[in-house]
């Protein structure tokens, strides 16, 4: 097998040259709406261009949820562009400029989630606090990457949870985490206490916290995987979307990358706006959107709950897999194994 031939189990989404040409032609023909256009003209579209140019002409006070995943202050190659680190002061200034262009399009009750690593978190905090109400900092385990010989391996990233005002939407019941009960408690009558007993195991739905250890970063055998270097899991974005928006709401991602936010919004019945500067990532985003349908599965999320990692086999035993594929194949596509 040649180096350019994917392994049999490699499910990475790739765009052929003909697909890329067609997608970019369609993107170019559709163009960017004129300033003052209705928000409906903007929705369910991916725009090729610079966020700094496009975001200011999105209708003001029209976005319900902003998912902001900008380049961290690290050297990264994004297609034809290389982001080079600058001083923390300069990064803070750059981040503030991004927010200045994005904030006008947010509704008065909008929610903002901002992704960062531990270094950039320190740089962006003041800018966030100046413009929003900071509610919490989520830390999620990103168990991927090489170890370090002179430092602790970095395996977590941050997501800042912010709102425009004290009035905002938050639905914790939608993002409960189903965990396997290791030491189950029973009441005086011997019945399960705060957990469910089944032939496939014992489980309890727990309240969502700001520490997430149930995520798997997309890799080559997962159907959502792309070649984008910093792709976020669909499961991660689904938590943000479900917790802080309703069906039909407008979700905006100005650094769309491989399209995860748009794909998740579509699967969950939300509208989306995406901006991406790299042609190849616009193409892969659109291909993922063309593949996605409302109600399509999100790995690790089913029947209204998020499953802890490595519980797919247990769910299969419970018989809750409602998809038509054979169970082993379905489990591989739906859960974190």
Protein backbone atom coordinates (compact mmCIF):
# COMPACT_ATOMS: atom_id res chain seq x y z
CA UNK A 1 0.00 0.00 0.00
CA UNK A 2 1.44 3.35 -1.00
CA UNK A 3 1.88 6.20 1.43
CA UNK A 4 -0.90 8.13 -0.32
CA UNK A 5 -3.44 5.29 -0.07
CA UNK A 6 -5.56 5.44 3.10
CA UNK A 7 -5.70 2.38 5.33
CA UNK A 8 -8.90 0.32 5.00
CA UNK A 9 -10.33 1.66 8.28
CA UNK A 10 -9.32 5.26 7.60
CA UNK A 11 -12.58 7.24 7.43
CA UNK A 12 -11.08 10.74 7.11
CA UNK A 13 -13.26 13.03 5.01
CA UNK A 14 -11.37 14.21 1.94
CA UNK A 15 -12.43 16.47 -0.92
CA UNK A 16 -11.60 15.47 -4.47
CA UNK A 17 -10.31 18.12 -6.89
CA UNK A 18 -13.60 18.10 -8.81
CA UNK A 19 -15.62 18.46 -5.60
CA UNK A 20 -13.40 21.30 -4.46
CA UNK A 21 -13.79 23.14 -7.76
CA UNK A 22 -17.58 22.74 -7.73
CA UNK A 23 -17.96 23.83 -4.09
CA UNK A 24 -15.80 26.91 -4.51
CA UNK A 25 -17.59 27.88 -7.72
CA UNK A 26 -20.93 27.69 -5.90
CA UNK A 27 -19.53 29.65 -2.95
CA UNK A 28 -18.22 32.34 -5.29
CA UNK A 29 -21.51 32.59 -7.21
CA UNK A 30 -23.61 32.92 -4.07
CA UNK A 31 -21.40 35.77 -2.84
CA UNK A 32 -21.65 37.71 0.39
CA UNK A 33 -24.99 39.40 1.16
CA UNK A 34 -25.18 43.15 0.98
CA UNK A 35 -25.00 45.12 4.19
CA UNK A 36 -28.51 45.47 5.56
CA UNK A 37 -29.71 42.12 4.19
CA UNK A 38 -32.13 40.11 6.30
CA UNK A 39 -30.57 37.54 8.63
CA UNK A 40 -32.33 34.75 6.72
CA UNK A 41 -30.14 35.50 3.71
CA UNK A 42 -27.07 34.85 5.85
CA UNK A 43 -28.17 31.65 7.50
CA UNK A 44 -27.10 28.10 6.65
CA UNK A 45 -24.16 29.30 4.63
CA UNK A 46 -20.37 29.13 4.79
CA UNK A 47 -18.58 32.25 3.58
CA UNK A 48 -15.07 32.28 2.15
CA UNK A 49 -13.16 35.34 3.28
CA UNK A 50 -11.72 37.25 6.18
CA UNK A 51 -13.74 37.39 9.37
CA UNK A 52 -12.69 41.01 9.89
CA UNK A 53 -14.36 41.98 6.60
CA UNK A 54 -17.50 39.84 6.73
CA UNK A 55 -18.57 39.86 10.39
CA UNK A 56 -19.26 43.63 10.58
CA UNK A 57 -21.93 43.44 7.89
CA UNK A 58 -23.90 40.61 9.50
CA UNK A 59 -27.19 42.12 10.76
CA UNK A 60 -26.79 43.55 14.23
CA UNK A 61 -28.39 41.76 17.20
CA UNK A 62 -29.18 38.67 15.13
CA UNK A 63 -26.96 35.91 16.57
CA UNK A 64 -28.10 33.76 19.50
CA UNK A 65 -24.89 31.83 20.12
CA UNK A 66 -21.29 32.68 19.20
CA UNK A 67 -18.79 29.83 19.16
CA UNK A 68 -15.37 31.43 18.92
CA UNK A 69 -12.42 29.13 18.25
CA UNK A 70 -9.67 31.42 16.96
CA UNK A 71 -6.05 30.44 16.39
CA UNK A 72 -4.33 30.03 19.74
CA UNK A 73 -1.09 31.92 20.22
CA UNK A 74 0.89 28.97 18.89
CA UNK A 75 2.58 28.20 15.61
CA UNK A 76 0.11 26.30 13.46
CA UNK A 77 -0.19 25.69 9.73
CA UNK A 78 -3.75 26.20 8.53
CA UNK A 79 -3.77 25.30 4.86
CA UNK A 80 -1.90 28.06 3.04
CA UNK A 81 -1.63 30.19 6.18
CA UNK A 82 0.78 29.87 9.09
CA UNK A 83 -0.16 31.49 12.38
CA UNK A 84 2.96 32.61 14.22
CA UNK A 85 2.96 33.38 17.94
CA UNK A 86 3.34 36.95 19.13
CA UNK A 87 3.75 38.47 22.55
CA UNK A 88 0.84 37.94 24.91
CA UNK A 89 0.17 41.68 24.89
CA UNK A 90 -0.06 41.71 21.09
CA UNK A 91 -2.30 38.63 21.12
CA UNK A 92 -4.59 40.32 23.64
CA UNK A 93 -4.81 43.34 21.34
CA UNK A 94 -5.59 41.13 18.34
CA UNK A 95 -8.25 39.26 20.28
CA UNK A 96 -9.88 42.53 21.36
CA UNK A 97 -10.08 43.61 17.71
CA UNK A 98 -11.79 40.34 16.85
CA UNK A 99 -14.36 40.89 19.59
CA UNK A 100 -15.02 44.46 18.46
CA UNK A 101 -16.07 43.13 15.06
CA UNK A 102 -18.17 40.30 16.45
CA UNK A 103 -20.03 41.79 19.40
CA UNK A 104 -22.46 44.03 17.42
CA UNK A 105 -24.12 41.02 15.76
CA UNK A 106 -25.03 39.40 19.09
CA UNK A 107 -28.53 39.52 20.54
CA UNK A 108 -28.91 41.15 23.98
CA UNK A 109 -29.44 37.69 25.54
CA UNK A 110 -26.77 35.90 23.46
CA UNK A 111 -24.26 33.42 24.82
CA UNK A 112 -20.57 33.32 23.89
CA UNK A 113 -18.22 30.35 24.16
CA UNK A 114 -14.52 31.00 23.55
CA UNK A 115 -11.96 28.22 23.07
CA UNK A 116 -8.40 28.69 24.33
CA UNK A 117 -5.38 26.91 25.73
CA UNK A 118 -3.85 27.77 29.09
CA UNK A 119 -1.57 30.47 27.68
CA UNK A 120 -4.17 32.32 25.63
CA UNK A 121 -6.72 32.06 28.42
CA UNK A 122 -4.59 34.44 30.44
CA UNK A 123 -4.30 36.84 27.51
CA UNK A 124 -7.99 37.01 26.63
CA UNK A 125 -9.58 37.14 30.08
CA UNK A 126 -9.52 40.93 30.42
CA UNK A 127 -11.08 41.44 26.99
CA UNK A 128 -13.86 39.00 27.79
CA UNK A 129 -14.53 40.54 31.18
CA UNK A 130 -14.72 44.01 29.64
CA UNK A 131 -17.46 43.03 27.16
CA UNK A 132 -19.36 40.11 28.68
CA UNK A 133 -20.34 38.49 31.94
CA UNK A 134 -17.98 35.56 32.46
CA UNK A 135 -19.97 32.68 33.93
CA UNK A 136 -17.44 29.87 34.08
CA UNK A 137 -14.40 28.24 32.55
CA UNK A 138 -14.84 24.74 31.17
CA UNK A 139 -11.77 22.52 31.02
CA UNK A 140 -11.93 19.58 28.66
CA UNK A 141 -9.48 16.71 28.32
CA UNK A 142 -7.73 16.60 25.00
CA UNK A 143 -5.88 13.34 25.39
CA UNK A 144 -3.85 13.54 22.21
CA UNK A 145 -0.35 14.54 21.23
CA UNK A 146 3.17 13.66 22.18
CA UNK A 147 4.60 13.74 25.65
CA UNK A 148 7.22 16.28 26.71
CA UNK A 149 10.58 15.54 28.31
CA UNK A 150 10.96 18.87 30.12
CA UNK A 151 7.36 19.67 31.05
CA UNK A 152 4.01 18.13 31.87
CA UNK A 153 2.11 16.97 28.80
CA UNK A 154 -0.69 19.43 28.01
CA UNK A 155 -3.91 17.45 27.67
CA UNK A 156 -6.62 19.99 28.41
CA UNK A 157 -8.04 23.11 26.83
CA UNK A 158 -10.38 25.82 28.08
CA UNK A 159 -13.77 27.08 26.96
CA UNK A 160 -14.90 30.37 28.47
CA UNK A 161 -18.66 30.54 29.07
CA UNK A 162 -19.88 34.14 28.77
CA UNK A 163 -23.19 35.92 28.34
CA UNK A 164 -24.18 39.36 27.15
CA UNK A 165 -26.45 39.97 30.15
CA UNK A 166 -27.94 38.40 33.26
CA UNK A 167 -30.89 37.19 31.21
CA UNK A 168 -29.76 34.22 29.12
CA UNK A 169 -30.73 30.65 28.27
CA UNK A 170 -29.09 27.63 29.82
CA UNK A 171 -30.48 24.09 29.76
CA UNK A 172 -28.41 21.74 31.95
CA UNK A 173 -30.98 18.94 31.62
CA UNK A 174 -30.10 18.66 27.92
CA UNK A 175 -26.43 17.91 28.53
CA UNK A 176 -26.48 15.39 31.33
CA UNK A 177 -23.72 12.80 31.28
CA UNK A 178 -24.57 9.12 31.57
CA UNK A 179 -21.95 7.30 33.58
CA UNK A 180 -21.58 3.69 34.57
CA UNK A 181 -22.13 3.21 38.29
CA UNK A 182 -19.19 1.40 39.85
CA UNK A 183 -20.37 1.28 43.48
CA UNK A 184 -24.17 1.63 43.28
CA UNK A 185 -26.14 2.68 46.34
CA UNK A 186 -29.53 1.21 47.21
CA UNK A 187 -32.29 2.51 49.43
CA UNK A 188 -33.79 0.70 52.41
CA UNK A 189 -35.96 -1.40 50.11
CA UNK A 190 -32.96 -2.47 48.07
CA UNK A 191 -33.94 -0.40 45.03
CA UNK A 192 -31.38 1.58 43.00
CA UNK A 193 -30.82 5.06 44.44
CA UNK A 194 -30.29 7.73 41.74
CA UNK A 195 -29.25 5.20 39.12
CA UNK A 196 -30.79 2.78 36.63
CA UNK A 197 -30.23 -0.96 36.69
CA UNK A 198 -30.35 -2.82 33.39
CA UNK A 199 -29.09 -6.07 31.85
CA UNK A 200 -26.33 -4.09 30.17
CA UNK A 201 -25.05 -2.44 33.32
CA UNK A 202 -25.87 0.18 35.91
CA UNK A 203 -25.96 3.85 34.89
CA UNK A 204 -26.70 7.26 36.30
CA UNK A 205 -27.29 10.57 34.54
CA UNK A 206 -25.14 13.20 36.24
CA UNK A 207 -25.41 16.98 36.16
CA UNK A 208 -23.01 18.67 33.73
CA UNK A 209 -19.92 20.17 35.30
CA UNK A 210 -17.11 22.41 34.05
CA UNK A 211 -14.69 19.45 33.80
CA UNK A 212 -15.22 17.31 30.70
CA UNK A 213 -13.37 14.00 30.46
CA UNK A 214 -15.71 12.20 28.06
CA UNK A 215 -14.43 13.56 24.74
CA UNK A 216 -12.40 11.99 21.97
CA UNK A 217 -10.48 14.26 19.60
CA UNK A 218 -11.32 13.18 16.02
CA UNK A 219 -8.85 10.73 14.53
CA UNK A 220 -8.54 8.74 11.33
CA UNK A 221 -11.05 5.96 12.09
CA UNK A 222 -13.85 8.34 13.08
CA UNK A 223 -16.40 9.38 10.41
CA UNK A 224 -16.17 13.06 11.40
CA UNK A 225 -12.39 13.28 11.03
CA UNK A 226 -10.77 15.71 8.59
CA UNK A 227 -7.20 16.81 7.95
CA UNK A 228 -7.66 20.09 9.84
CA UNK A 229 -4.92 20.31 12.50
CA UNK A 230 -7.09 21.61 15.37
CA UNK A 231 -10.50 20.07 14.69
CA UNK A 232 -12.90 20.04 17.66
CA UNK A 233 -15.10 17.00 18.35
CA UNK A 234 -18.73 17.21 17.30
CA UNK A 235 -19.63 15.96 20.75
CA UNK A 236 -17.95 18.98 22.36
CA UNK A 237 -19.74 21.52 20.17
CA UNK A 238 -23.05 19.67 20.64
CA UNK A 239 -22.84 20.29 24.38
CA UNK A 240 -22.47 24.02 23.82
CA UNK A 241 -25.27 24.18 21.26
CA UNK A 242 -27.76 22.14 23.28
CA UNK A 243 -27.03 23.89 26.56
CA UNK A 244 -27.32 27.44 25.22
CA UNK A 245 -29.69 27.54 22.24
CA UNK A 246 -33.07 26.38 20.97
CA UNK A 247 -34.05 24.87 17.64
CA UNK A 248 -34.08 27.52 14.94
CA UNK A 249 -31.56 29.75 16.73
CA UNK A 250 -28.65 31.30 14.83
CA UNK A 251 -25.23 29.84 15.68
CA UNK A 252 -22.22 31.82 14.43
CA UNK A 253 -18.66 30.53 14.09
CA UNK A 254 -16.32 33.15 12.53
CA UNK A 255 -13.30 30.79 12.50
CA UNK A 256 -15.14 27.79 11.11
CA UNK A 257 -12.16 25.62 10.18
CA UNK A 258 -13.34 22.18 9.12
CA UNK A 259 -17.00 23.06 9.71
CA UNK A 260 -17.77 21.27 12.97
CA UNK A 261 -19.96 24.02 14.45
CA UNK A 262 -22.03 24.30 11.27
CA UNK A 263 -22.43 20.52 10.98
CA UNK A 264 -23.53 20.17 14.61
CA UNK A 265 -25.96 23.09 14.26
CA UNK A 266 -27.52 21.43 11.21
CA UNK A 267 -27.81 18.04 12.91
CA UNK A 268 -29.49 19.65 15.93
CA UNK A 269 -31.95 21.76 13.97
CA UNK A 270 -30.27 25.14 14.39
CA UNK A 271 -29.35 27.71 11.75
CA UNK A 272 -25.70 28.60 11.27
CA UNK A 273 -23.33 31.17 9.82
CA UNK A 274 -19.72 30.22 9.19
CA UNK A 275 -16.74 32.21 7.99
CA UNK A 276 -13.47 30.61 6.89
CA UNK A 277 -10.51 32.12 5.05
CA UNK A 278 -8.99 28.90 3.70
CA UNK A 279 -10.50 27.51 0.49
CA UNK A 280 -9.69 23.90 1.34
CA UNK A 281 -11.48 24.15 4.68
CA UNK A 282 -14.51 25.80 3.10
CA UNK A 283 -14.64 22.85 0.71
CA UNK A 284 -14.41 20.22 3.43
CA UNK A 285 -16.95 22.13 5.57
CA UNK A 286 -19.44 22.16 2.72
CA UNK A 287 -18.87 18.49 1.98
CA UNK A 288 -19.55 17.65 5.63
CA UNK A 289 -22.71 19.76 5.51
CA UNK A 290 -23.85 18.02 2.34
CA UNK A 291 -23.38 14.70 4.14
CA UNK A 292 -25.24 15.81 7.28
CA UNK A 293 -28.98 15.73 7.87
CA UNK A 294 -31.14 16.93 10.74
CA UNK A 295 -31.20 14.21 13.36
CA UNK A 296 -27.99 12.52 12.20
CA UNK A 297 -26.01 10.88 15.01
CA UNK A 298 -23.29 12.66 16.95
CA UNK A 299 -20.68 10.35 18.35
CA UNK A 300 -21.20 9.89 22.08
CA UNK A 301 -24.69 11.45 22.14
CA UNK A 302 -27.90 9.49 21.82
CA UNK A 303 -31.42 9.43 23.22
CA UNK A 304 -30.97 12.85 24.79
CA UNK A 305 -27.90 12.10 26.88
CA UNK A 306 -24.14 12.23 26.48
CA UNK A 307 -22.36 9.00 27.27
CA UNK A 308 -19.12 8.79 29.18
CA UNK A 309 -16.22 7.36 27.23
CA UNK A 310 -15.92 3.60 26.80
CA UNK A 311 -19.60 2.90 27.53
CA UNK A 312 -20.60 1.98 23.99
CA UNK A 313 -20.52 -1.75 24.64
CA UNK A 314 -22.72 -1.29 27.68
CA UNK A 315 -25.27 0.69 25.71
CA UNK A 316 -25.30 -1.97 23.04
CA UNK A 317 -26.19 -4.54 25.72
CA UNK A 318 -29.05 -2.30 26.85
CA UNK A 319 -30.50 -2.49 23.35
CA UNK A 320 -30.89 1.29 22.95
CA UNK A 321 -29.22 1.48 19.57
CA UNK A 322 -32.06 2.49 17.25
CA UNK A 323 -30.07 2.58 14.02
CA UNK A 324 -30.40 0.00 11.29
CA UNK A 325 -26.73 -0.94 11.03
CA UNK A 326 -25.41 -4.10 12.64
CA UNK A 327 -24.63 -3.32 16.31
CA UNK A 328 -20.80 -3.48 16.17
CA UNK A 329 -20.66 -1.10 13.21
CA UNK A 330 -23.26 1.21 14.73
CA UNK A 331 -21.45 1.36 18.02
CA UNK A 332 -18.20 2.28 16.29
CA UNK A 333 -19.93 5.20 14.62
CA UNK A 334 -21.80 6.48 17.66
CA UNK A 335 -19.69 6.06 20.75
CA UNK A 336 -16.25 6.77 22.12
CA UNK A 337 -14.55 3.40 22.11
